[in-house]
C-alpha atoms as a PDB file:
ATOM      1  CA  MET A   1      70.235 206.132 142.771  1.00  0.00           C
ATOM      2  CA  SER A   2      67.031 204.980 144.449  1.00  0.00           C
ATOM      3  CA  GLN A   3      65.166 207.144 146.948  1.00  0.00           C
ATOM      4  CA  GLU A   4      65.841 204.566 149.660  1.00  0.00           C
ATOM      5  CA  ALA A   5      69.577 204.569 148.971  1.00  0.00           C
ATOM      6  CA  MET A   6      69.651 208.386 149.037  1.00  0.00           C
ATOM      7  CA  SER A   7      67.891 208.533 152.407  1.00  0.00           C
ATOM      8  CA  GLU A   8      70.396 206.088 153.881  1.00  0.00           C
ATOM      9  CA  GLN A   9      73.243 208.186 152.544  1.00  0.00           C
ATOM     10  CA  VAL A  10      71.841 211.389 154.088  1.00  0.00           C
ATOM     11  CA  VAL A  11      71.506 209.660 157.514  1.00  0.00           C
ATOM     12  CA  ARG A  12      75.086 208.414 157.504  1.00  0.00           C
ATOM     13  CA  GLU A  13      76.741 211.637 156.414  1.00  0.00           C
ATOM     14  CA  PRO A  14      77.400 214.165 159.219  1.00  0.00           C
ATOM     15  CA  ALA A  15      76.003 217.653 158.749  1.00  0.00           C
ATOM     16  CA  VAL A  16      79.456 219.261 159.193  1.00  0.00           C
ATOM     17  CA  PRO A  17      82.075 216.660 158.219  1.00  0.00           C
ATOM     18  CA  ASP A  18      85.129 218.855 158.851  1.00  0.00           C
ATOM     19  CA  GLN A  19      84.604 219.138 162.643  1.00  0.00           C
ATOM     20  CA  LYS A  20      87.195 217.463 164.842  1.00  0.00           C
ATOM     21  CA  GLY A  21      86.291 215.344 167.825  1.00  0.00           C
ATOM     22  CA  ALA A  22      83.270 213.125 168.413  1.00  0.00           C
ATOM     23  CA  PRO A  23      80.167 213.869 166.372  1.00  0.00           C
ATOM     24  CA  LYS A  24      77.472 215.705 168.201  1.00  0.00           C
ATOM     25  CA  GLY A  25      74.104 214.181 168.853  1.00  0.00           C
ATOM     26  CA  LEU A  26      71.041 215.719 167.355  1.00  0.00           C
ATOM     27  CA  LEU A  27      69.758 216.873 170.729  1.00  0.00           C
ATOM     28  CA  GLN A  28      73.005 218.671 171.495  1.00  0.00           C
ATOM     29  CA  GLN A  29      72.960 220.345 168.058  1.00  0.00           C
ATOM     30  CA  MET A  30      69.358 221.469 168.635  1.00  0.00           C
ATOM     31  CA  GLU A  31      70.227 222.833 172.098  1.00  0.00           C
ATOM     32  CA  GLU A  32      73.132 224.828 170.677  1.00  0.00           C
ATOM     33  CA  LEU A  33      71.006 226.221 167.865  1.00  0.00           C
ATOM     34  CA  MET A  34      68.241 227.180 170.359  1.00  0.00           C
ATOM     35  CA  ALA A  35      70.809 228.898 172.587  1.00  0.00           C
ATOM     36  CA  ALA A  36      72.169 230.858 169.628  1.00  0.00           C
ATOM     37  CA  LEU A  37      68.639 231.761 168.527  1.00  0.00           C
ATOM     38  CA  ASN A  38      67.761 232.884 172.055  1.00  0.00           C
ATOM     39  CA  ALA A  39      70.871 235.070 172.189  1.00  0.00           C
ATOM     40  CA  ASP A  40      70.011 236.627 168.816  1.00  0.00           C
ATOM     41  CA  LEU A  41      66.438 237.314 169.876  1.00  0.00           C
ATOM     42  CA  SER A  42      67.565 238.823 173.147  1.00  0.00           C
ATOM     43  CA  GLN A  43      69.928 241.153 171.277  1.00  0.00           C
ATOM     44  CA  LEU A  44      67.140 242.074 168.873  1.00  0.00           C
ATOM     45  CA  ASP A  45      64.773 242.790 171.757  1.00  0.00           C
ATOM     46  CA  ALA A  46      67.412 244.986 173.430  1.00  0.00           C
ATOM     47  CA  ASP A  47      67.902 246.920 170.146  1.00  0.00           C
ATOM     48  CA  LEU A  48      64.188 247.370 169.728  1.00  0.00           C
ATOM     49  CA  GLN A  49      63.735 248.513 173.332  1.00  0.00           C
ATOM     50  CA  GLN A  50      66.557 251.022 172.842  1.00  0.00           C
ATOM     51  CA  SER A  51      65.047 252.336 169.632  1.00  0.00           C
ATOM     52  CA  THR A  52      61.660 252.795 171.275  1.00  0.00           C
ATOM     53  CA  GLY A  53      63.011 254.653 174.292  1.00  0.00           C
ATOM     54  CA  PRO A  54      61.379 257.522 176.173  1.00  0.00           C
ATOM     55  CA  GLY A  55      61.539 259.969 173.258  1.00  0.00           C
ATOM     56  CA  ALA A  56      59.977 257.612 170.686  1.00  0.00           C
ATOM     57  CA  PRO A  57      56.199 257.613 170.103  1.00  0.00           C
ATOM     58  CA  SER A  58      54.295 254.839 171.780  1.00  0.00           C
ATOM     59  CA  ALA A  59      52.287 252.183 169.938  1.00  0.00           C
ATOM     60  CA  ASP A  60      48.983 253.867 170.954  1.00  0.00           C
ATOM     61  CA  GLY A  61      49.776 257.042 168.995  1.00  0.00           C
ATOM     62  CA  GLY A  62      51.558 258.857 171.813  1.00  0.00           C
ATOM     63  CA  HIS A  63      48.684 258.935 174.309  1.00  0.00           C
ATOM     64  CA  ARG A  64      50.109 257.894 177.614  1.00  0.00           C
ATOM     65  CA  LEU A  65      48.069 257.561 180.746  1.00  0.00           C
END
């Protein structure tokens, strides 16, 4: 199969063919992925903040002003 034919095949095939309903646009997919990433990062930040609470040493070696 030529490279040109392969690229056309990739463009026509949906990323997740088993989904029901209208196919999503690329922008909508990107927005959903960014929202999921943002939620994951927010949870990671909350976990890190909790693990570096008042009893944990600070980044400057424990010297607080």
